[in-house]
Amino acid sequence: MYNALSHTFQSQRLLRHLIVALTARGSYSEAGQALTVYLELFDKARETDAAQVARDVRKFRKRANSAAAGEAPQLDSHAPPADDPAADFDIDSDRAFVKTLTFGTRVFCKYLDDPETGLKLARRARAIFDERKDRVLTQDKAVESEVERALGVALGALNAKGVSSSSRL
């Protein structure tokens, strides 16, 4: 995973899988750091127009492939064919982000003994879920139950640590 990350630039998908792999391996602090980077990348991607970035990357790759094949560069702005590998741009959906946050909540509460950060992640997941940008997400009861469970895990971990959760609601 580290080798793959060194050959790509800001891959949310690879970071998401790295978080799970590091947790399974028992490298919890590294998983927490990877989650922090993942959050920053996701926030940055939300600030930009993801569709425009994907179009720009496709154009750049098309020109680079043409130049490598010795062809004259093509400057047209037509959409690439559906079988173009560049068509699958690496920006996570809100659903994948929310599920990663709920997973991260459990990592911070159970393994890193940091329920405050876990609660922040769970609240962020709830906020993204409640934005209602993605109608499919807001109708997904399984994801909603994961968000609620993450909030419960974080609040329970805070109470177990002796921190009053009444001020945190």
Protein backbone atom coordinates (compact mmCIF):
# COMPACT_ATOMS: atom_id res chain seq x y z
CA MET A 1 0.00 0.00 0.00
CA TYR A 2 2.82 2.40 0.85
CA ASN A 3 4.47 1.64 -2.49
CA ALA A 4 1.22 2.33 -4.35
CA LEU A 5 0.77 5.60 -2.48
CA SER A 6 4.26 6.71 -3.47
CA HIS A 7 3.33 6.35 -7.16
CA THR A 8 0.08 8.25 -7.08
CA PHE A 9 -0.95 11.68 -5.94
CA GLN A 10 -3.61 12.03 -3.29
CA SER A 11 -5.51 8.79 -3.73
CA GLN A 12 -8.47 8.73 -1.38
CA ARG A 13 -9.25 5.15 -2.30
CA LEU A 14 -5.76 3.90 -1.45
CA LEU A 15 -5.74 5.82 1.83
CA ARG A 16 -9.11 4.36 2.77
CA HIS A 17 -7.83 0.84 2.20
CA LEU A 18 -4.56 1.65 3.97
CA ILE A 19 -6.50 2.69 7.10
CA VAL A 20 -8.24 -0.69 7.22
CA ALA A 21 -5.02 -2.61 6.47
CA LEU A 22 -3.06 -0.78 9.18
CA THR A 23 -5.82 -1.40 11.70
CA ALA A 24 -5.90 -5.11 10.85
CA ARG A 25 -2.13 -5.21 11.23
CA GLY A 26 -2.31 -3.52 14.63
CA SER A 27 -0.59 -0.28 13.58
CA TYR A 28 -3.25 1.90 15.14
CA SER A 29 -1.31 5.16 15.39
CA GLU A 30 -0.38 4.92 11.71
CA ALA A 31 -4.02 4.19 10.88
CA GLY A 32 -5.00 7.34 12.79
CA GLN A 33 -2.45 9.37 10.86
CA ALA A 34 -3.66 7.95 7.55
CA LEU A 35 -7.22 8.84 8.54
CA THR A 36 -6.14 12.42 9.26
CA VAL A 37 -4.58 12.69 5.78
CA TYR A 38 -7.70 11.11 4.28
CA LEU A 39 -9.89 13.75 5.96
CA GLU A 40 -7.72 16.55 4.60
CA LEU A 41 -7.82 15.13 1.08
CA PHE A 42 -11.58 14.71 1.20
CA ASP A 43 -12.08 18.26 2.45
CA LYS A 44 -9.86 19.61 -0.31
CA ALA A 45 -11.72 17.57 -2.94
CA ARG A 46 -15.05 18.97 -1.71
CA GLU A 47 -13.73 22.51 -2.09
CA THR A 48 -13.00 21.96 -5.77
CA ASP A 49 -15.28 21.00 -8.62
CA ALA A 50 -14.56 17.28 -8.83
CA ALA A 51 -16.16 16.90 -12.24
CA GLN A 52 -13.98 19.65 -13.70
CA VAL A 53 -10.84 18.16 -12.14
CA ALA A 54 -11.72 14.77 -13.64
CA ARG A 55 -12.22 16.35 -17.08
CA ASP A 56 -8.87 18.16 -16.83
CA VAL A 57 -7.07 14.97 -15.81
CA ARG A 58 -8.65 13.07 -18.71
CA LYS A 59 -7.53 15.77 -21.17
CA PHE A 60 -4.00 15.76 -19.77
CA ARG A 61 -3.74 11.96 -19.95
CA LYS A 62 -5.10 11.93 -23.49
CA ARG A 63 -2.50 14.49 -24.60
CA ALA A 64 0.28 12.63 -22.78
CA ASN A 65 -0.71 9.32 -24.39
CA SER A 66 -0.84 10.94 -27.83
CA ALA A 67 2.58 12.51 -27.34
CA ALA A 68 4.05 9.21 -26.14
CA ALA A 69 2.69 7.44 -29.23
CA GLY A 70 4.24 10.10 -31.48
CA GLU A 71 0.89 11.45 -32.62
CA ALA A 72 0.02 15.10 -32.91
CA PRO A 73 -1.57 16.36 -29.69
CA GLN A 74 -5.33 16.45 -29.76
CA LEU A 75 -6.84 19.53 -28.19
CA ASP A 76 -10.50 18.64 -28.44
CA SER A 77 -12.61 18.78 -25.30
CA HIS A 78 -14.85 15.81 -26.08
CA ALA A 79 -15.52 13.32 -23.32
CA PRO A 80 -13.28 10.26 -23.33
CA PRO A 81 -14.70 6.88 -24.29
CA ALA A 82 -16.41 4.92 -21.52
CA ASP A 83 -13.62 2.33 -21.47
CA ASP A 84 -10.96 4.98 -20.75
CA PRO A 85 -9.13 4.06 -17.52
CA ALA A 86 -8.96 7.73 -16.61
CA ALA A 87 -12.74 7.86 -16.44
CA ASP A 88 -12.56 6.30 -12.97
CA PHE A 89 -11.28 9.33 -11.08
CA ASP A 90 -10.26 8.76 -7.47
CA ILE A 91 -12.65 10.89 -5.44
CA ASP A 92 -14.61 9.05 -2.77
CA SER A 93 -18.36 9.33 -2.59
CA ASP A 94 -20.06 10.75 0.49
CA ARG A 95 -21.12 7.19 1.37
CA ALA A 96 -17.54 5.89 1.36
CA PHE A 97 -16.44 8.91 3.37
CA VAL A 98 -19.14 8.44 6.01
CA LYS A 99 -18.35 4.73 6.32
CA THR A 100 -14.63 5.54 6.71
CA LEU A 101 -15.43 8.09 9.43
CA THR A 102 -17.52 5.57 11.35
CA PHE A 103 -14.68 3.05 11.09
CA GLY A 104 -12.24 5.73 12.25
CA THR A 105 -14.45 6.51 15.23
CA ARG A 106 -14.07 2.95 16.46
CA VAL A 107 -10.29 3.04 15.87
CA PHE A 108 -9.86 6.22 17.90
CA CYS A 109 -12.17 5.10 20.71
CA LYS A 110 -11.07 1.47 21.03
CA TYR A 111 -7.40 1.41 20.09
CA LEU A 112 -6.07 4.96 20.46
CA ASP A 113 -8.00 5.86 23.64
CA ASP A 114 -9.03 9.20 22.13
CA PRO A 115 -12.82 9.37 22.36
CA GLU A 116 -12.82 13.15 21.83
CA THR A 117 -11.44 12.69 18.31
CA GLY A 118 -13.78 9.75 17.82
CA LEU A 119 -16.73 11.96 18.71
CA LYS A 120 -15.56 14.62 16.26
CA LEU A 121 -15.38 12.00 13.51
CA ALA A 122 -18.84 10.65 14.36
CA ARG A 123 -20.33 14.14 14.36
CA ARG A 124 -18.67 14.89 11.05
CA ALA A 125 -20.18 11.68 9.63
CA ARG A 126 -23.59 12.77 10.88
CA ALA A 127 -23.18 16.23 9.34
CA ILE A 128 -22.21 14.78 5.95
CA PHE A 129 -25.11 12.32 6.16
CA ASP A 130 -27.53 15.15 6.98
CA GLU A 131 -26.34 17.44 4.15
CA ARG A 132 -28.71 15.59 1.83
CA LYS A 133 -26.56 16.22 -1.25
CA ASP A 134 -26.66 12.52 -2.04
CA ARG A 135 -30.26 11.31 -1.92
CA VAL A 136 -29.21 7.68 -2.18
CA LEU A 137 -27.09 8.13 0.95
CA THR A 138 -29.84 9.75 3.00
CA GLN A 139 -32.17 6.85 2.20
CA ASP A 140 -29.59 4.21 3.18
CA LYS A 141 -30.74 3.03 6.60
CA ALA A 142 -27.66 0.80 7.04
CA VAL A 143 -25.33 3.79 6.75
CA GLU A 144 -27.53 5.83 9.05
CA SER A 145 -27.40 3.06 11.66
CA GLU A 146 -23.58 2.99 11.36
CA VAL A 147 -23.49 6.74 11.99
CA GLU A 148 -25.73 6.41 15.04
CA ARG A 149 -23.66 3.49 16.35
CA ALA A 150 -20.46 5.53 15.91
CA LEU A 151 -22.00 8.36 17.93
CA GLY A 152 -22.99 5.85 20.62
CA VAL A 153 -19.51 4.30 20.69
CA ALA A 154 -17.86 7.70 21.04
CA LEU A 155 -20.23 8.90 23.77
CA GLY A 156 -19.89 5.59 25.62
CA ALA A 157 -16.08 5.82 25.44
CA LEU A 158 -16.22 9.37 26.79
CA ASN A 159 -18.39 8.23 29.71
CA ALA A 160 -16.09 5.29 30.40
CA LYS A 161 -13.19 7.72 30.54
CA GLY A 162 -15.08 9.81 33.07
CA VAL A 163 -15.83 12.77 30.82
CA SER A 164 -19.37 14.08 31.05
CA SER A 165 -21.12 13.60 27.72
CA SER A 166 -24.07 15.82 28.63
CA SER A 167 -22.06 18.90 27.62
CA ARG A 168 -21.02 17.16 24.38
CA LEU A 169 -24.54 16.61 22.99
